Amino acid sequence: MFEGIASTVIVAHDYAVSVTQELLARREEGTDVPLAFVWGMLDPVSGAHMAARVRECLPGAPFLALDDVGHWPALEAPERVVSAVLVA
């Protein structure tokens, strides 16, 4: 019954790890692409623990932590996401 859920979590975790590795690579190489982050801190897959890694990898990038939001900031807090993107 839980096989699909477990494999989904593993895939999501692997994706989060690959994103972190990409951020580390960009930090080392530098990038001309403007980066800004709006992060749902309650996300069970890529929440606060991944936010810490993003901040570590890209300390100069604008970062808005949404403490009361989970995996879908654009759906859970659309006004705050739009405001953050417009400011960045």
PDB file of N, CA and C in Angstrom:
ATOM      1  N   MET A   1       0.813  -1.194   0.000  1.00  0.00           N
ATOM      2  CA  MET A   1       0.000   0.000   0.000  1.00  0.00           C
ATOM      3  C   MET A   1       0.861   1.264   0.000  1.00  0.00           C
ATOM      4  N   PHE A   2       1.968   1.261   0.744  1.00  0.00           N
ATOM      5  CA  PHE A   2       2.792   2.457   0.859  1.00  0.00           C
ATOM      6  C   PHE A   2       3.958   2.485  -0.117  1.00  0.00           C
ATOM      7  N   GLU A   3       4.069   1.496  -0.984  1.00  0.00           N
ATOM      8  CA  GLU A   3       5.191   1.460  -1.919  1.00  0.00           C
ATOM      9  C   GLU A   3       5.236   2.706  -2.790  1.00  0.00           C
ATOM     10  N   GLY A   4       4.110   3.114  -3.347  1.00  0.00           N
ATOM     11  CA  GLY A   4       4.077   4.297  -4.205  1.00  0.00           C
ATOM     12  C   GLY A   4       4.461   5.553  -3.449  1.00  0.00           C
ATOM     13  N   ILE A   5       3.987   5.652  -2.210  1.00  0.00           N
ATOM     14  CA  ILE A   5       4.308   6.826  -1.399  1.00  0.00           C
ATOM     15  C   ILE A   5       5.794   6.854  -1.096  1.00  0.00           C
ATOM     16  N   ALA A   6       6.348   5.714  -0.720  1.00  0.00           N
ATOM     17  CA  ALA A   6       7.776   5.658  -0.402  1.00  0.00           C
ATOM     18  C   ALA A   6       8.621   6.013  -1.612  1.00  0.00           C
ATOM     19  N   SER A   7       8.288   5.481  -2.776  1.00  0.00           N
ATOM     20  CA  SER A   7       9.085   5.789  -3.956  1.00  0.00           C
ATOM     21  C   SER A   7       8.935   7.243  -4.359  1.00  0.00           C
ATOM     22  N   THR A   8       7.752   7.824  -4.133  1.00  0.00           N
ATOM     23  CA  THR A   8       7.563   9.248  -4.426  1.00  0.00           C
ATOM     24  C   THR A   8       8.439  10.096  -3.518  1.00  0.00           C
ATOM     25  N   VAL A   9       8.511   9.743  -2.256  1.00  0.00           N
ATOM     26  CA  VAL A   9       9.358  10.486  -1.319  1.00  0.00           C
ATOM     27  C   VAL A   9      10.822  10.337  -1.712  1.00  0.00           C
ATOM     28  N   ILE A  10      11.236   9.159  -2.108  1.00  0.00           N
ATOM     29  CA  ILE A  10      12.625   8.951  -2.525  1.00  0.00           C
ATOM     30  C   ILE A  10      12.930   9.789  -3.759  1.00  0.00           C
ATOM     31  N   VAL A  11      12.048   9.790  -4.737  1.00  0.00           N
ATOM     32  CA  VAL A  11      12.256  10.593  -5.941  1.00  0.00           C
ATOM     33  C   VAL A  11      12.321  12.071  -5.572  1.00  0.00           C
ATOM     34  N   ALA A  12      11.410  12.524  -4.728  1.00  0.00           N
ATOM     35  CA  ALA A  12      11.413  13.932  -4.324  1.00  0.00           C
ATOM     36  C   ALA A  12      12.704  14.266  -3.583  1.00  0.00           C
ATOM     37  N   HIS A  13      13.154  13.367  -2.719  1.00  0.00           N
ATOM     38  CA  HIS A  13      14.403  13.593  -1.984  1.00  0.00           C
ATOM     39  C   HIS A  13      15.576  13.649  -2.949  1.00  0.00           C
ATOM     40  N   ASP A  14      15.613  12.720  -3.898  1.00  0.00           N
ATOM     41  CA  ASP A  14      16.692  12.718  -4.886  1.00  0.00           C
ATOM     42  C   ASP A  14      16.689  14.005  -5.691  1.00  0.00           C
ATOM     43  N   TYR A  15      15.512  14.506  -6.040  1.00  0.00           N
ATOM     44  CA  TYR A  15      15.404  15.758  -6.778  1.00  0.00           C
ATOM     45  C   TYR A  15      15.934  16.906  -5.928  1.00  0.00           C
ATOM     46  N   ALA A  16      15.542  16.947  -4.664  1.00  0.00           N
ATOM     47  CA  ALA A  16      16.007  18.012  -3.773  1.00  0.00           C
ATOM     48  C   ALA A  16      17.521  17.968  -3.635  1.00  0.00           C
ATOM     49  N   VAL A  17      18.083  16.775  -3.546  1.00  0.00           N
ATOM     50  CA  VAL A  17      19.532  16.640  -3.463  1.00  0.00           C
ATOM     51  C   VAL A  17      20.182  17.130  -4.747  1.00  0.00           C
ATOM     52  N   SER A  18      19.617  16.796  -5.904  1.00  0.00           N
ATOM     53  CA  SER A  18      20.207  17.238  -7.163  1.00  0.00           C
ATOM     54  C   SER A  18      20.102  18.756  -7.316  1.00  0.00           C
ATOM     55  N   VAL A  19      19.023  19.348  -6.828  1.00  0.00           N
ATOM     56  CA  VAL A  19      18.895  20.807  -6.872  1.00  0.00           C
ATOM     57  C   VAL A  19      19.971  21.440  -5.995  1.00  0.00           C
ATOM     58  N   THR A  20      20.190  20.888  -4.824  1.00  0.00           N
ATOM     59  CA  THR A  20      21.229  21.409  -3.941  1.00  0.00           C
ATOM     60  C   THR A  20      22.598  21.294  -4.593  1.00  0.00           C
ATOM     61  N   GLN A  21      22.863  20.174  -5.237  1.00  0.00           N
ATOM     62  CA  GLN A  21      24.141  20.010  -5.925  1.00  0.00           C
ATOM     63  C   GLN A  21      24.293  21.031  -7.040  1.00  0.00           C
ATOM     64  N   GLU A  22      23.216  21.308  -7.761  1.00  0.00           N
ATOM     65  CA  GLU A  22      23.249  22.314  -8.818  1.00  0.00           C
ATOM     66  C   GLU A  22      23.522  23.703  -8.240  1.00  0.00           C
ATOM     67  N   LEU A  23      22.917  24.012  -7.110  1.00  0.00           N
ATOM     68  CA  LEU A  23      23.162  25.300  -6.472  1.00  0.00           C
ATOM     69  C   LEU A  23      24.618  25.430  -6.048  1.00  0.00           C
ATOM     70  N   LEU A  24      25.168  24.347  -5.515  1.00  0.00           N
ATOM     71  CA  LEU A  24      26.583  24.368  -5.136  1.00  0.00           C
ATOM     72  C   LEU A  24      27.468  24.605  -6.355  1.00  0.00           C
ATOM     73  N   ALA A  25      27.138  23.955  -7.457  1.00  0.00           N
ATOM     74  CA  ALA A  25      27.912  24.135  -8.682  1.00  0.00           C
ATOM     75  C   ALA A  25      27.813  25.573  -9.168  1.00  0.00           C
ATOM     76  N   ARG A  26      26.632  26.149  -9.132  1.00  0.00           N
ATOM     77  CA  ARG A  26      26.456  27.544  -9.561  1.00  0.00           C
ATOM     78  C   ARG A  26      27.223  28.492  -8.652  1.00  0.00           C
ATOM     79  N   ARG A  27      27.273  28.169  -7.377  1.00  0.00           N
ATOM     80  CA  ARG A  27      28.018  29.019  -6.445  1.00  0.00           C
ATOM     81  C   ARG A  27      29.488  29.018  -6.829  1.00  0.00           C
ATOM     82  N   GLU A  28      29.997  27.841  -7.165  1.00  0.00           N
ATOM     83  CA  GLU A  28      31.399  27.725  -7.533  1.00  0.00           C
ATOM     84  C   GLU A  28      31.688  28.390  -8.873  1.00  0.00           C
ATOM     85  N   GLU A  29      30.797  28.211  -9.833  1.00  0.00           N
ATOM     86  CA  GLU A  29      31.013  28.715 -11.186  1.00  0.00           C
ATOM     87  C   GLU A  29      30.585  30.162 -11.342  1.00  0.00           C
ATOM     88  N   GLY A  30      29.664  30.604 -10.525  1.00  0.00           N
ATOM     89  CA  GLY A  30      29.061  31.919 -10.711  1.00  0.00           C
ATOM     90  C   GLY A  30      27.974  31.815 -11.767  1.00  0.00           C
ATOM     91  N   THR A  31      27.057  32.748 -11.755  1.00  0.00           N
ATOM     92  CA  THR A  31      25.975  32.745 -12.726  1.00  0.00           C
ATOM     93  C   THR A  31      25.502  34.163 -12.957  1.00  0.00           C
ATOM     94  N   ASP A  32      25.063  34.426 -14.168  1.00  0.00           N
ATOM     95  CA  ASP A  32      24.481  35.722 -14.498  1.00  0.00           C
ATOM     96  C   ASP A  32      22.959  35.701 -14.359  1.00  0.00           C
ATOM     97  N   VAL A  33      22.415  34.548 -14.059  1.00  0.00           N
ATOM     98  CA  VAL A  33      20.973  34.403 -13.928  1.00  0.00           C
ATOM     99  C   VAL A  33      20.551  34.947 -12.560  1.00  0.00           C
ATOM    100  N   PRO A  34      19.629  35.908 -12.547  1.00  0.00           N
ATOM    101  CA  PRO A  34      19.167  36.405 -11.242  1.00  0.00           C
ATOM    102  C   PRO A  34      18.384  35.315 -10.515  1.00  0.00           C
ATOM    103  N   LEU A  35      18.698  35.126  -9.256  1.00  0.00           N
ATOM    104  CA  LEU A  35      18.052  34.092  -8.450  1.00  0.00           C
ATOM    105  C   LEU A  35      17.371  34.736  -7.254  1.00  0.00           C
ATOM    106  N   ALA A  36      16.170  34.293  -6.974  1.00  0.00           N
ATOM    107  CA  ALA A  36      15.433  34.696  -5.776  1.00  0.00           C
ATOM    108  C   ALA A  36      14.601  33.493  -5.348  1.00  0.00           C
ATOM    109  N   PHE A  37      14.407  33.347  -4.055  1.00  0.00           N
ATOM    110  CA  PHE A  37      13.715  32.167  -3.542  1.00  0.00           C
ATOM    111  C   PHE A  37      12.569  32.564  -2.632  1.00  0.00           C
ATOM    112  N   VAL A  38      11.442  31.883  -2.805  1.00  0.00           N
ATOM    113  CA  VAL A  38      10.302  31.958  -1.902  1.00  0.00           C
ATOM    114  C   VAL A  38      10.098  30.524  -1.434  1.00  0.00           C
ATOM    115  N   TRP A  39      10.288  30.284  -0.129  1.00  0.00           N
ATOM    116  CA  TRP A  39      10.399  28.919   0.356  1.00  0.00           C
ATOM    117  C   TRP A  39       9.326  28.599   1.380  1.00  0.00           C
ATOM    118  N   GLY A  40       8.621  27.497   1.157  1.00  0.00           N
ATOM    119  CA  GLY A  40       7.656  26.987   2.133  1.00  0.00           C
ATOM    120  C   GLY A  40       8.386  26.174   3.181  1.00  0.00           C
ATOM    121  N   MET A  41       8.517  26.727   4.357  1.00  0.00           N
ATOM    122  CA  MET A  41       9.319  26.094   5.402  1.00  0.00           C
ATOM    123  C   MET A  41       8.680  24.830   5.978  1.00  0.00           C
ATOM    124  N   LEU A  42       7.376  24.642   5.777  1.00  0.00           N
ATOM    125  CA  LEU A  42       6.705  23.443   6.285  1.00  0.00           C
ATOM    126  C   LEU A  42       6.697  22.290   5.285  1.00  0.00           C
ATOM    127  N   ASP A  43       7.344  22.462   4.164  1.00  0.00           N
ATOM    128  CA  ASP A  43       7.415  21.403   3.158  1.00  0.00           C
ATOM    129  C   ASP A  43       8.126  20.195   3.775  1.00  0.00           C
ATOM    130  N   PRO A  44       7.470  19.028   3.812  1.00  0.00           N
ATOM    131  CA  PRO A  44       8.093  17.858   4.432  1.00  0.00           C
ATOM    132  C   PRO A  44       9.261  17.290   3.627  1.00  0.00           C
ATOM    133  N   VAL A  45       9.361  17.643   2.367  1.00  0.00           N
ATOM    134  CA  VAL A  45      10.437  17.122   1.524  1.00  0.00           C
ATOM    135  C   VAL A  45      11.602  18.105   1.437  1.00  0.00           C
ATOM    136  N   SER A  46      11.288  19.346   1.150  1.00  0.00           N
ATOM    137  CA  SER A  46      12.367  20.317   0.937  1.00  0.00           C
ATOM    138  C   SER A  46      12.113  21.599   1.720  1.00  0.00           C
ATOM    139  N   GLY A  47      11.779  21.446   2.982  1.00  0.00           N
ATOM    140  CA  GLY A  47      11.446  22.595   3.822  1.00  0.00           C
ATOM    141  C   GLY A  47      12.664  23.269   4.424  1.00  0.00           C
ATOM    142  N   ALA A  48      12.627  23.465   5.710  1.00  0.00           N
ATOM    143  CA  ALA A  48      13.640  24.259   6.405  1.00  0.00           C
ATOM    144  C   ALA A  48      15.056  23.717   6.221  1.00  0.00           C
ATOM    145  N   HIS A  49      15.219  22.403   6.210  1.00  0.00           N
ATOM    146  CA  HIS A  49      16.566  21.853   6.075  1.00  0.00           C
ATOM    147  C   HIS A  49      17.177  22.180   4.711  1.00  0.00           C
ATOM    148  N   MET A  50      16.374  22.189   3.664  1.00  0.00           N
ATOM    149  CA  MET A  50      16.874  22.536   2.337  1.00  0.00           C
ATOM    150  C   MET A  50      17.033  24.053   2.211  1.00  0.00           C
ATOM    151  N   ALA A  51      16.177  24.809   2.868  1.00  0.00           N
ATOM    152  CA  ALA A  51      16.302  26.268   2.848  1.00  0.00           C
ATOM    153  C   ALA A  51      17.650  26.684   3.411  1.00  0.00           C
ATOM    154  N   ALA A  52      18.076  26.023   4.459  1.00  0.00           N
ATOM    155  CA  ALA A  52      19.384  26.328   5.051  1.00  0.00           C
ATOM    156  C   ALA A  52      20.500  26.097   4.040  1.00  0.00           C
ATOM    157  N   ARG A  53      20.392  25.025   3.270  1.00  0.00           N
ATOM    158  CA  ARG A  53      21.410  24.736   2.245  1.00  0.00           C
ATOM    159  C   ARG A  53      21.400  25.789   1.141  1.00  0.00           C
ATOM    160  N   VAL A  54      20.218  26.211   0.720  1.00  0.00           N
ATOM    161  CA  VAL A  54      20.119  27.238  -0.323  1.00  0.00           C
ATOM    162  C   VAL A  54      20.764  28.526   0.173  1.00  0.00           C
ATOM    163  N   ARG A  55      20.448  28.910   1.389  1.00  0.00           N
ATOM    164  CA  ARG A  55      21.032  30.137   1.951  1.00  0.00           C
ATOM    165  C   ARG A  55      22.546  30.029   2.051  1.00  0.00           C
ATOM    166  N   GLU A  56      23.018  28.849   2.393  1.00  0.00           N
ATOM    167  CA  GLU A  56      24.461  28.616   2.489  1.00  0.00           C
ATOM    168  C   GLU A  56      25.116  28.705   1.107  1.00  0.00           C
ATOM    169  N   CYS A  57      24.473  28.120   0.121  1.00  0.00           N
ATOM    170  CA  CYS A  57      25.033  28.072  -1.230  1.00  0.00           C
ATOM    171  C   CYS A  57      24.975  29.424  -1.932  1.00  0.00           C
ATOM    172  N   LEU A  58      23.919  30.170  -1.699  1.00  0.00           N
ATOM    173  CA  LEU A  58      23.707  31.438  -2.407  1.00  0.00           C
ATOM    174  C   LEU A  58      23.327  32.529  -1.411  1.00  0.00           C
ATOM    175  N   PRO A  59      24.276  32.939  -0.577  1.00  0.00           N
ATOM    176  CA  PRO A  59      23.945  33.881   0.490  1.00  0.00           C
ATOM    177  C   PRO A  59      23.475  35.251   0.004  1.00  0.00           C
ATOM    178  N   GLY A  60      23.817  35.628  -1.218  1.00  0.00           N
ATOM    179  CA  GLY A  60      23.414  36.929  -1.721  1.00  0.00           C
ATOM    180  C   GLY A  60      22.065  36.955  -2.404  1.00  0.00           C
ATOM    181  N   ALA A  61      21.481  35.787  -2.627  1.00  0.00           N
ATOM    182  CA  ALA A  61      20.189  35.725  -3.318  1.00  0.00           C
ATOM    183  C   ALA A  61      19.056  36.113  -2.368  1.00  0.00           C
ATOM    184  N   PRO A  62      18.113  36.926  -2.837  1.00  0.00           N
ATOM    185  CA  PRO A  62      16.949  37.239  -2.000  1.00  0.00           C
ATOM    186  C   PRO A  62      16.226  35.940  -1.610  1.00  0.00           C
ATOM    187  N   PHE A  63      15.800  35.870  -0.365  1.00  0.00           N
ATOM    188  CA  PHE A  63      15.185  34.650   0.153  1.00  0.00           C
ATOM    189  C   PHE A  63      14.057  35.032   1.101  1.00  0.00           C
ATOM    190  N   LEU A  64      12.846  34.593   0.784  1.00  0.00           N
ATOM    191  CA  LEU A  64      11.695  34.814   1.658  1.00  0.00           C
ATOM    192  C   LEU A  64      11.252  33.473   2.210  1.00  0.00           C
ATOM    193  N   ALA A  65      11.359  33.307   3.512  1.00  0.00           N
ATOM    194  CA  ALA A  65      10.922  32.088   4.186  1.00  0.00           C
ATOM    195  C   ALA A  65       9.476  32.272   4.630  1.00  0.00           C
ATOM    196  N   LEU A  66       8.604  31.413   4.135  1.00  0.00           N
ATOM    197  CA  LEU A  66       7.189  31.430   4.524  1.00  0.00           C
ATOM    198  C   LEU A  66       6.979  30.341   5.575  1.00  0.00           C
ATOM    199  N   ASP A  67       6.985  30.747   6.828  1.00  0.00           N
ATOM    200  CA  ASP A  67       6.965  29.800   7.941  1.00  0.00           C
ATOM    201  C   ASP A  67       5.685  28.983   8.039  1.00  0.00           C
ATOM    202  N   ASP A  68       4.601  29.469   7.472  1.00  0.00           N
ATOM    203  CA  ASP A  68       3.311  28.793   7.589  1.00  0.00           C
ATOM    204  C   ASP A  68       2.885  28.124   6.282  1.00  0.00           C
ATOM    205  N   VAL A  69       3.820  27.890   5.375  1.00  0.00           N
ATOM    206  CA  VAL A  69       3.526  27.355   4.040  1.00  0.00           C
ATOM    207  C   VAL A  69       4.301  26.071   3.825  1.00  0.00           C
ATOM    208  N   GLY A  70       3.682  25.161   3.063  1.00  0.00           N
ATOM    209  CA  GLY A  70       4.309  23.877   2.765  1.00  0.00           C
ATOM    210  C   GLY A  70       4.944  23.834   1.388  1.00  0.00           C
ATOM    211  N   HIS A  71       4.614  22.798   0.633  1.00  0.00           N
ATOM    212  CA  HIS A  71       5.284  22.490  -0.627  1.00  0.00           C
ATOM    213  C   HIS A  71       4.890  23.397  -1.789  1.00  0.00           C
ATOM    214  N   TRP A  72       3.750  24.049  -1.730  1.00  0.00           N
ATOM    215  CA  TRP A  72       3.241  24.820  -2.861  1.00  0.00           C
ATOM    216  C   TRP A  72       3.036  26.289  -2.502  1.00  0.00           C
ATOM    217  N   PRO A  73       4.091  27.053  -2.297  1.00  0.00           N
ATOM    218  CA  PRO A  73       3.919  28.456  -1.919  1.00  0.00           C
ATOM    219  C   PRO A  73       3.025  29.247  -2.877  1.00  0.00           C
ATOM    220  N   ALA A  74       3.145  29.016  -4.161  1.00  0.00           N
ATOM    221  CA  ALA A  74       2.349  29.780  -5.128  1.00  0.00           C
ATOM    222  C   ALA A  74       0.850  29.498  -4.993  1.00  0.00           C
ATOM    223  N   LEU A  75       0.503  28.323  -4.496  1.00  0.00           N
ATOM    224  CA  LEU A  75      -0.906  27.985  -4.280  1.00  0.00           C
ATOM    225  C   LEU A  75      -1.373  28.329  -2.869  1.00  0.00           C
ATOM    226  N   GLU A  76      -0.475  28.166  -1.905  1.00  0.00           N
ATOM    227  CA  GLU A  76      -0.842  28.364  -0.507  1.00  0.00           C
ATOM    228  C   GLU A  76      -0.788  29.831  -0.075  1.00  0.00           C
ATOM    229  N   ALA A  77       0.065  30.614  -0.704  1.00  0.00           N
ATOM    230  CA  ALA A  77       0.234  32.026  -0.328  1.00  0.00           C
ATOM    231  C   ALA A  77       0.536  32.861  -1.570  1.00  0.00           C
ATOM    232  N   PRO A  78      -0.386  32.863  -2.544  1.00  0.00           N
ATOM    233  CA  PRO A  78      -0.092  33.509  -3.826  1.00  0.00           C
ATOM    234  C   PRO A  78       0.250  34.995  -3.724  1.00  0.00           C
ATOM    235  N   GLU A  79      -0.417  35.716  -2.831  1.00  0.00           N
ATOM    236  CA  GLU A  79      -0.149  37.148  -2.726  1.00  0.00           C
ATOM    237  C   GLU A  79       1.276  37.410  -2.260  1.00  0.00           C
ATOM    238  N   ARG A  80       1.724  36.628  -1.283  1.00  0.00           N
ATOM    239  CA  ARG A  80       3.087  36.817  -0.771  1.00  0.00           C
ATOM    240  C   ARG A  80       4.131  36.419  -1.808  1.00  0.00           C
ATOM    241  N   VAL A  81       3.844  35.373  -2.581  1.00  0.00           N
ATOM    242  CA  VAL A  81       4.770  34.949  -3.642  1.00  0.00           C
ATOM    243  C   VAL A  81       4.885  36.034  -4.706  1.00  0.00           C
ATOM    244  N   VAL A  82       3.765  36.542  -5.153  1.00  0.00           N
ATOM    245  CA  VAL A  82       3.779  37.594  -6.184  1.00  0.00           C
ATOM    246  C   VAL A  82       4.529  38.816  -5.673  1.00  0.00           C
ATOM    247  N   SER A  83       4.272  39.229  -4.455  1.00  0.00           N
ATOM    248  CA  SER A  83       4.960  40.395  -3.883  1.00  0.00           C
ATOM    249  C   SER A  83       6.466  40.170  -3.839  1.00  0.00           C
ATOM    250  N   ALA A  84       6.879  38.990  -3.432  1.00  0.00           N
ATOM    251  CA  ALA A  84       8.318  38.684  -3.353  1.00  0.00           C
ATOM    252  C   ALA A  84       8.967  38.685  -4.719  1.00  0.00           C
ATOM    253  N   VAL A  85       8.283  38.136  -5.706  1.00  0.00           N
ATOM    254  CA  VAL A  85       8.840  38.084  -7.063  1.00  0.00           C
ATOM    255  C   VAL A  85       8.937  39.483  -7.657  1.00  0.00           C
ATOM    256  N   LEU A  86       7.943  40.310  -7.432  1.00  0.00           N
ATOM    257  CA  LEU A  86       7.964  41.674  -7.968  1.00  0.00           C
ATOM    258  C   LEU A  86       9.060  42.525  -7.341  1.00  0.00           C
ATOM    259  N   VAL A  87       9.349  42.277  -6.073  1.00  0.00           N
ATOM    260  CA  VAL A  87      10.400  43.021  -5.377  1.00  0.00           C
ATOM    261  C   VAL A  87      11.780  42.564  -5.841  1.00  0.00           C
ATOM    262  N   ALA A  88      11.927  41.268  -6.073  1.00  0.00           N
ATOM    263  CA  ALA A  88      13.224  40.708  -6.484  1.00  0.00           C
ATOM    264  C   ALA A  88      13.540  41.198  -7.861  1.00  0.00           C
TER     265      ALA A  88
END
